[in-house]
Amino acid sequence: MGLRVRKSIQICKGVRLNFGTTGASISFGTKGLRHTIHTSGRRTTSVGIPGTGISYVKTHGTKKKQAGVKPLQGRQAGYADDGNNAAKLEEYNNLVESLRSIHKTCDDPVNWEALKNSSEPFAPGTIGPRQAAALQELNAYKPGLFERLSSGNKKKELEKAVEQAAAEDAEEYENWKKLVALADRVLQGDLDAYLDVIDQMNPLGDLIDFGSDFEIGADNAGAIEVEFKAKIDSIVPQYTLSLTKTGKLSQREMTKTAYFELVQDFVCSCSIRIARDIFALLPVKTVVVHAVDSRINNQTGRREEVTILSVLFERDIMDGLNFEHIDPSAAMNNFLHNMKFQKTAGMMPVDRVENY
């Protein structure tokens, strides 16, 4: 922990962009208290002194990524003929299918109402379940002759176990109180509670395997805004694979139409998955997802990030979808969204959905 000077600019409602030596990241939270999820997995929580540019910062260690699909590098994939051609073709087909199916799974939902109303582990002032079990074992212990003649180490171990069990019971009770209090704050729409939940649960962390960055923000308790940086060039393959009659692996350039359709499905599938994960984690009514891509600006010759999809997901509508059978691109028509797709040019820049 320590004091540091930070620079940040507001880029959209409820979202601030922070600059650092290793890259850019996004802060989430209320004035003076923000949470940052960096692209490297490092997370920081900062309590600022308004108007000074100084903040007290706590850095959290990176969390291990959840196991997930690890796509091949679209431009760099190469295949040597080593006799495993059928397996390589299956791997490629699984990759293509996974890019269109990211939305089919999501995190388990959190029932904050049930957590708020959960029963206490045991009544205050009484013996907890762990201590009770340890006491039962201690009271049932009958030392043998050798134990009575010795220093009685076994009995001392059991007595120590009773003390340890009592401490564990006390810790469990305190954790229960904290969880109930957190659930109450979440249900009341406390943005700081949202921050705590996001810090602990790390939503979208498993989607990092798809080479994408996520920036999370909130301006009110009813909506979460997520910016999704789709690293399309490194994730979506621009080639097709097939086996020849002799069993050799044939790699060909994918048609532009097929490639752009795969990109569209990938971006839309990720957007749906993001919304599903946020809805599962927090009791918000809407999730707004902005998908951005890095494009060359023909006027400057430099890469710039442009929005290629902006969609407002509503919980009630999401709850009525069958995610196993929807087409991710077609599913956008269920929601207010901005998307411009051309078969020969792909996803074009669009304005962001606003006033939600």
Protein backbone atom coordinates (compact mmCIF):
# COMPACT_ATOMS: atom_id res chain seq x y z
CA MET A 1 0.00 0.00 0.00
CA GLY A 2 1.09 3.61 -0.43
CA LEU A 3 0.33 7.11 -1.65
CA ARG A 4 0.75 7.91 -5.30
CA VAL A 5 -0.24 10.46 -7.86
CA ARG A 6 -2.52 9.21 -10.63
CA LYS A 7 -3.78 10.71 -13.86
CA SER A 8 -7.20 9.80 -15.22
CA ILE A 9 -9.74 11.14 -17.67
CA GLN A 10 -13.44 10.37 -17.97
CA ILE A 11 -14.17 8.71 -21.31
CA CYS A 12 -17.88 7.96 -20.89
CA LYS A 13 -20.57 7.97 -18.25
CA GLY A 14 -19.26 6.38 -15.07
CA VAL A 15 -15.99 5.20 -16.64
CA ARG A 16 -12.52 6.65 -16.16
CA LEU A 17 -9.40 5.79 -18.11
CA ASN A 18 -6.19 5.54 -16.04
CA PHE A 19 -2.73 5.80 -17.54
CA GLY A 20 0.23 3.84 -16.26
CA THR A 21 3.63 2.68 -17.39
CA THR A 22 2.39 -0.78 -18.39
CA GLY A 23 -0.78 0.21 -20.16
CA ALA A 24 -4.24 1.63 -19.69
CA SER A 25 -7.01 0.36 -17.48
CA ILE A 26 -10.47 1.35 -16.29
CA SER A 27 -11.71 2.34 -12.85
CA PHE A 28 -15.06 1.33 -11.38
CA GLY A 29 -16.80 2.86 -8.42
CA THR A 30 -17.85 6.10 -6.78
CA LYS A 31 -16.03 9.38 -6.33
CA GLY A 32 -12.99 8.88 -4.16
CA LEU A 33 -13.22 5.08 -4.27
CA ARG A 34 -12.48 3.14 -7.44
CA HIS A 35 -11.62 -0.37 -8.52
CA THR A 36 -9.32 -1.15 -11.42
CA ILE A 37 -9.14 -4.40 -13.34
CA HIS A 38 -5.93 -4.25 -15.37
CA THR A 39 -5.35 -6.24 -18.51
CA SER A 40 -2.56 -8.18 -16.79
CA GLY A 41 -4.98 -9.42 -14.13
CA ARG A 42 -3.60 -7.06 -11.48
CA ARG A 43 -6.36 -5.25 -9.58
CA THR A 44 -6.15 -2.13 -7.45
CA THR A 45 -8.56 -0.41 -5.10
CA SER A 46 -7.88 3.27 -4.46
CA VAL A 47 -9.39 5.71 -1.97
CA GLY A 48 -8.77 9.21 -3.29
CA ILE A 49 -8.66 12.62 -1.68
CA PRO A 50 -11.03 14.64 -3.89
CA GLY A 51 -9.40 17.57 -5.68
CA THR A 52 -5.82 16.58 -4.84
CA GLY A 53 -4.99 13.87 -7.37
CA ILE A 54 -3.57 11.80 -4.50
CA SER A 55 -4.94 8.41 -3.57
CA TYR A 56 -4.27 5.63 -1.07
CA VAL A 57 -3.78 2.48 -3.07
CA LYS A 58 -4.05 -1.20 -2.27
CA THR A 59 -2.81 -3.64 -4.91
CA HIS A 60 -4.23 -7.15 -5.10
CA GLY A 61 -2.28 -10.09 -6.48
CA THR A 62 -3.36 -11.54 -9.77
CA LYS A 63 -5.90 -14.33 -9.65
CA LYS A 64 -5.34 -17.53 -11.51
CA LYS A 65 -7.42 -17.66 -14.66
CA GLN A 66 -10.17 -20.18 -14.81
CA ALA A 67 -9.69 -23.04 -17.18
CA GLY A 68 -11.19 -22.33 -20.54
CA VAL A 69 -10.79 -22.57 -24.26
CA LYS A 70 -7.44 -21.23 -25.39
CA PRO A 71 -7.83 -20.26 -29.01
CA LEU A 72 -5.03 -20.62 -31.52
CA GLN A 73 -3.43 -17.49 -32.85
CA GLY A 74 -5.38 -16.61 -35.95
CA ARG A 75 -2.54 -15.18 -38.02
CA GLN A 76 0.31 -17.21 -36.64
CA ALA A 77 -1.05 -20.75 -36.57
CA GLY A 78 1.11 -23.15 -38.53
CA TYR A 79 0.88 -26.91 -38.91
CA ALA A 80 3.60 -29.44 -39.48
CA ASP A 81 2.66 -32.77 -41.01
CA ASP A 82 3.48 -34.99 -38.03
CA GLY A 83 0.71 -37.56 -38.44
CA ASN A 84 -1.79 -35.86 -36.13
CA ASN A 85 -3.69 -34.13 -38.90
CA ALA A 86 -7.11 -35.42 -37.87
CA ALA A 87 -6.58 -34.17 -34.32
CA LYS A 88 -5.44 -30.77 -35.61
CA LEU A 89 -8.52 -30.49 -37.80
CA GLU A 90 -10.72 -31.31 -34.83
CA GLU A 91 -8.89 -28.69 -32.76
CA TYR A 92 -9.48 -26.09 -35.46
CA ASN A 93 -13.17 -26.97 -35.76
CA ASN A 94 -13.52 -26.76 -31.98
CA LEU A 95 -11.92 -23.33 -32.06
CA VAL A 96 -14.35 -22.03 -34.68
CA GLU A 97 -17.29 -23.48 -32.79
CA SER A 98 -16.08 -22.03 -29.49
CA LEU A 99 -15.93 -18.53 -30.98
CA ARG A 100 -19.63 -18.80 -31.82
CA SER A 101 -20.60 -20.45 -28.53
CA ILE A 102 -19.03 -18.28 -25.82
CA HIS A 103 -22.50 -17.12 -24.79
CA LYS A 104 -23.77 -20.62 -24.01
CA THR A 105 -22.18 -20.75 -20.57
CA CYS A 106 -21.97 -18.20 -17.77
CA ASP A 107 -21.17 -17.87 -14.08
CA ASP A 108 -23.56 -19.32 -11.51
CA PRO A 109 -26.09 -16.73 -10.30
CA VAL A 110 -25.74 -15.22 -6.84
CA ASN A 111 -28.94 -15.14 -4.79
CA TRP A 112 -28.33 -12.04 -2.70
CA GLU A 113 -31.81 -12.18 -1.15
CA ALA A 114 -31.16 -15.70 0.15
CA LEU A 115 -27.76 -14.67 1.48
CA LYS A 116 -29.23 -11.68 3.28
CA ASN A 117 -31.87 -13.88 4.93
CA SER A 118 -29.59 -16.84 5.64
CA SER A 119 -29.62 -18.30 9.14
CA GLU A 120 -26.74 -17.62 11.49
CA PRO A 121 -24.32 -20.57 11.87
CA PHE A 122 -25.12 -20.80 15.60
CA ALA A 123 -26.64 -18.62 18.29
CA PRO A 124 -24.28 -16.03 19.83
CA GLY A 125 -23.02 -17.03 23.26
CA THR A 126 -23.41 -20.74 22.54
CA ILE A 127 -20.89 -23.35 21.51
CA GLY A 128 -20.35 -23.56 17.78
CA PRO A 129 -20.54 -26.80 15.77
CA ARG A 130 -16.79 -27.24 15.39
CA GLN A 131 -16.10 -26.63 19.04
CA ALA A 132 -18.94 -28.97 20.03
CA ALA A 133 -17.45 -31.77 17.92
CA ALA A 134 -13.99 -31.18 19.38
CA LEU A 135 -15.37 -31.20 22.93
CA GLN A 136 -17.20 -34.43 22.24
CA GLU A 137 -13.97 -36.03 21.10
CA LEU A 138 -12.14 -34.69 24.16
CA ASN A 139 -14.80 -35.91 26.60
CA ALA A 140 -14.87 -39.32 24.96
CA TYR A 141 -11.14 -39.73 25.25
CA LYS A 142 -10.05 -42.34 27.79
CA PRO A 143 -6.28 -42.50 28.22
CA GLY A 144 -4.64 -45.86 28.51
CA LEU A 145 -2.07 -46.88 31.10
CA PHE A 146 0.85 -45.71 29.01
CA GLU A 147 -0.82 -42.34 28.37
CA ARG A 148 -1.48 -41.83 32.10
CA LEU A 149 2.14 -42.59 32.91
CA SER A 150 3.45 -40.27 30.20
CA SER A 151 3.07 -36.53 29.82
CA GLY A 152 -0.46 -36.79 28.40
CA ASN A 153 0.33 -35.37 24.95
CA LYS A 154 -2.81 -36.79 23.37
CA LYS A 155 -5.09 -35.00 25.81
CA LYS A 156 -3.19 -31.74 25.31
CA GLU A 157 -3.64 -32.10 21.56
CA LEU A 158 -7.39 -32.58 21.99
CA GLU A 159 -7.62 -29.55 24.31
CA LYS A 160 -5.72 -27.49 21.75
CA ALA A 161 -8.08 -28.74 19.06
CA VAL A 162 -11.02 -27.44 21.10
CA GLU A 163 -9.44 -23.98 21.21
CA GLN A 164 -8.74 -24.06 17.48
CA ALA A 165 -12.32 -25.17 16.74
CA ALA A 166 -13.69 -22.33 18.85
CA ALA A 167 -11.57 -19.85 16.87
CA GLU A 168 -12.80 -21.31 13.58
CA ASP A 169 -16.42 -21.07 14.74
CA ALA A 170 -15.89 -17.44 15.68
CA GLU A 171 -14.32 -16.71 12.30
CA GLU A 172 -17.20 -18.42 10.48
CA TYR A 173 -19.71 -16.33 12.44
CA GLU A 174 -17.90 -13.09 11.60
CA ASN A 175 -17.73 -14.07 7.93
CA TRP A 176 -21.47 -14.79 7.98
CA LYS A 177 -22.18 -11.35 9.44
CA LYS A 178 -20.02 -9.70 6.78
CA LEU A 179 -21.75 -11.66 4.01
CA VAL A 180 -25.21 -10.72 5.28
CA ALA A 181 -24.15 -7.08 5.51
CA LEU A 182 -22.68 -7.19 1.99
CA ALA A 183 -25.84 -8.79 0.60
CA ASP A 184 -27.93 -6.07 2.22
CA ARG A 185 -25.73 -3.36 0.69
CA VAL A 186 -25.86 -5.00 -2.73
CA LEU A 187 -29.65 -5.21 -2.61
CA GLN A 188 -29.81 -1.54 -1.66
CA GLY A 189 -27.76 -0.67 -4.76
CA ASP A 190 -24.62 0.42 -2.93
CA LEU A 191 -22.00 0.95 -5.66
CA ASP A 192 -19.18 0.41 -3.17
CA ALA A 193 -20.68 -3.01 -2.45
CA TYR A 194 -20.74 -3.70 -6.18
CA LEU A 195 -17.04 -2.82 -6.19
CA ASP A 196 -16.32 -5.28 -3.39
CA VAL A 197 -18.21 -8.04 -5.20
CA ILE A 198 -16.42 -7.43 -8.49
CA ASP A 199 -13.07 -7.44 -6.71
CA GLN A 200 -13.75 -10.77 -5.03
CA MET A 201 -15.60 -12.58 -7.83
CA ASN A 202 -13.53 -11.28 -10.77
CA PRO A 203 -16.27 -11.61 -13.40
CA LEU A 204 -15.17 -12.05 -17.01
CA GLY A 205 -11.77 -13.31 -15.88
CA ASP A 206 -12.09 -16.54 -17.83
CA LEU A 207 -12.85 -14.58 -21.02
CA ILE A 208 -9.30 -13.20 -20.94
CA ASP A 209 -8.35 -16.50 -22.60
CA PHE A 210 -9.96 -15.09 -25.72
CA GLY A 211 -7.42 -12.27 -25.76
CA SER A 212 -9.82 -9.53 -24.77
CA ASP A 213 -9.68 -6.67 -22.27
CA PHE A 214 -12.67 -5.59 -20.19
CA GLU A 215 -13.42 -2.25 -18.60
CA ILE A 216 -16.27 -2.07 -16.10
CA GLY A 217 -18.07 1.03 -14.90
CA ALA A 218 -21.27 2.18 -13.22
CA ASP A 219 -23.11 5.46 -12.89
CA ASN A 220 -26.16 4.16 -11.01
CA ALA A 221 -27.26 1.02 -9.19
CA GLY A 222 -29.48 -0.19 -12.02
CA ALA A 223 -26.96 -0.45 -14.83
CA ILE A 224 -23.43 -1.73 -15.43
CA GLU A 225 -21.42 -0.57 -18.42
CA VAL A 226 -18.71 -2.80 -19.91
CA GLU A 227 -16.26 -1.96 -22.67
CA PHE A 228 -15.00 -5.08 -24.42
CA LYS A 229 -11.80 -4.79 -26.45
CA ALA A 230 -12.01 -7.57 -29.01
CA LYS A 231 -8.55 -8.52 -30.20
CA ILE A 232 -9.95 -9.95 -33.39
CA ASP A 233 -6.73 -10.24 -35.39
CA SER A 234 -5.10 -12.54 -32.83
CA ILE A 235 -8.16 -14.65 -32.06
CA VAL A 236 -10.30 -15.22 -35.15
CA PRO A 237 -8.56 -17.39 -37.78
CA GLN A 238 -8.44 -16.12 -41.35
CA TYR A 239 -7.97 -19.58 -42.81
CA THR A 240 -9.83 -22.86 -43.14
CA LEU A 241 -8.51 -26.37 -42.62
CA SER A 242 -9.49 -29.61 -44.30
CA LEU A 243 -8.07 -33.05 -44.91
CA THR A 244 -7.12 -34.20 -48.39
CA LYS A 245 -7.93 -37.69 -49.67
CA THR A 246 -4.42 -38.74 -48.67
CA GLY A 247 -4.91 -37.47 -45.12
CA LYS A 248 -2.79 -34.36 -45.46
CA LEU A 249 -3.84 -31.10 -43.85
CA SER A 250 -4.86 -28.41 -46.31
CA GLN A 251 -4.88 -24.79 -45.14
CA ARG A 252 -6.57 -22.14 -47.28
CA GLU A 253 -7.44 -18.51 -46.85
CA MET A 254 -10.98 -18.03 -45.60
CA THR A 255 -13.31 -16.04 -47.84
CA LYS A 256 -13.91 -12.49 -46.68
CA THR A 257 -17.61 -13.15 -46.26
CA ALA A 258 -17.03 -16.22 -44.08
CA TYR A 259 -14.36 -14.42 -42.04
CA PHE A 260 -16.49 -11.34 -41.39
CA GLU A 261 -19.47 -13.48 -40.39
CA LEU A 262 -17.27 -15.40 -37.92
CA VAL A 263 -15.99 -12.12 -36.49
CA GLN A 264 -19.54 -10.85 -36.06
CA ASP A 265 -20.62 -14.03 -34.29
CA PHE A 266 -17.54 -13.90 -32.04
CA VAL A 267 -18.14 -10.29 -31.01
CA CYS A 268 -21.87 -10.79 -30.44
CA SER A 269 -21.34 -14.06 -28.55
CA CYS A 270 -18.82 -12.40 -26.23
CA SER A 271 -21.17 -9.48 -25.66
CA ILE A 272 -24.01 -11.79 -24.63
CA ARG A 273 -21.70 -13.74 -22.32
CA ILE A 274 -20.51 -10.52 -20.66
CA ALA A 275 -24.09 -9.46 -19.98
CA ARG A 276 -25.00 -12.90 -18.64
CA ASP A 277 -22.05 -12.91 -16.22
CA ILE A 278 -22.89 -9.44 -14.89
CA PHE A 279 -26.57 -10.31 -14.51
CA ALA A 280 -25.58 -13.46 -12.61
CA LEU A 281 -23.35 -11.50 -10.26
CA LEU A 282 -25.30 -8.31 -9.54
CA PRO A 283 -29.02 -7.40 -9.28
CA VAL A 284 -28.93 -4.81 -12.05
CA LYS A 285 -31.69 -4.37 -14.62
CA THR A 286 -29.50 -3.50 -17.60
CA VAL A 287 -26.00 -4.20 -18.84
CA VAL A 288 -24.60 -2.04 -21.62
CA VAL A 289 -21.78 -3.59 -23.63
CA HIS A 290 -19.58 -1.69 -26.04
CA ALA A 291 -17.35 -3.83 -28.28
CA VAL A 292 -14.34 -1.99 -29.67
CA ASP A 293 -11.74 -2.97 -32.23
CA SER A 294 -8.39 -1.54 -33.22
CA ARG A 295 -8.46 -0.17 -36.78
CA ILE A 296 -6.04 1.74 -39.01
CA ASN A 297 -7.10 5.34 -39.55
CA ASN A 298 -6.43 5.98 -43.23
CA GLN A 299 -5.92 9.68 -42.57
CA THR A 300 -3.27 9.30 -39.86
CA GLY A 301 -1.95 5.82 -40.59
CA ARG A 302 -2.23 5.05 -36.90
CA ARG A 303 -4.32 2.49 -35.10
CA GLU A 304 -7.37 3.78 -33.28
CA GLU A 305 -10.05 2.05 -31.25
CA VAL A 306 -13.53 2.26 -32.73
CA THR A 307 -16.83 0.95 -31.41
CA ILE A 308 -18.20 -1.83 -33.62
CA LEU A 309 -21.12 -2.92 -31.43
CA SER A 310 -23.07 -1.20 -28.67
CA VAL A 311 -26.00 -3.00 -27.11
CA LEU A 312 -28.26 -2.49 -24.11
CA PHE A 313 -29.14 -5.85 -22.57
CA GLU A 314 -32.26 -6.02 -20.41
CA ARG A 315 -32.51 -8.70 -17.75
CA ASP A 316 -36.16 -9.55 -18.44
CA ILE A 317 -35.47 -10.19 -22.11
CA MET A 318 -32.29 -12.16 -21.41
CA ASP A 319 -34.18 -14.44 -19.04
CA GLY A 320 -36.49 -15.46 -21.89
CA LEU A 321 -33.76 -16.56 -24.33
CA ASN A 322 -32.66 -20.13 -25.04
CA PHE A 323 -28.92 -19.65 -25.30
CA GLU A 324 -28.28 -23.13 -26.67
CA HIS A 325 -30.14 -22.38 -29.88
CA ILE A 326 -29.83 -18.66 -30.57
CA ASP A 327 -27.67 -17.23 -33.31
CA PRO A 328 -25.52 -14.67 -31.43
CA SER A 329 -25.59 -12.09 -34.23
CA ALA A 330 -29.33 -12.45 -34.85
CA ALA A 331 -29.98 -12.27 -31.10
CA MET A 332 -28.94 -8.61 -31.09
CA ASN A 333 -32.35 -7.83 -32.59
CA ASN A 334 -33.87 -8.61 -29.19
CA PHE A 335 -32.22 -5.53 -27.70
CA LEU A 336 -31.62 -1.87 -28.38
CA HIS A 337 -28.31 -1.90 -30.24
CA ASN A 338 -26.10 -0.18 -32.78
CA MET A 339 -24.41 -2.53 -35.25
CA LYS A 340 -23.61 -2.03 -38.92
CA PHE A 341 -22.50 -5.16 -40.75
CA GLN A 342 -21.46 -5.45 -44.39
CA LYS A 343 -20.73 -8.85 -45.90
CA THR A 344 -17.73 -7.52 -47.82
CA ALA A 345 -16.41 -5.17 -45.14
CA GLY A 346 -17.47 -6.66 -41.82
CA MET A 347 -18.47 -4.69 -38.72
CA MET A 348 -18.34 -0.95 -39.31
CA PRO A 349 -17.87 1.80 -36.67
CA VAL A 350 -21.08 2.82 -34.87
CA ASP A 351 -22.19 5.27 -32.20
CA ARG A 352 -22.65 4.06 -28.66
CA VAL A 353 -26.02 3.47 -27.08
CA GLU A 354 -26.74 6.30 -24.66
CA ASN A 355 -29.46 7.66 -22.37
CA TYR A 356 -30.16 4.35 -20.65
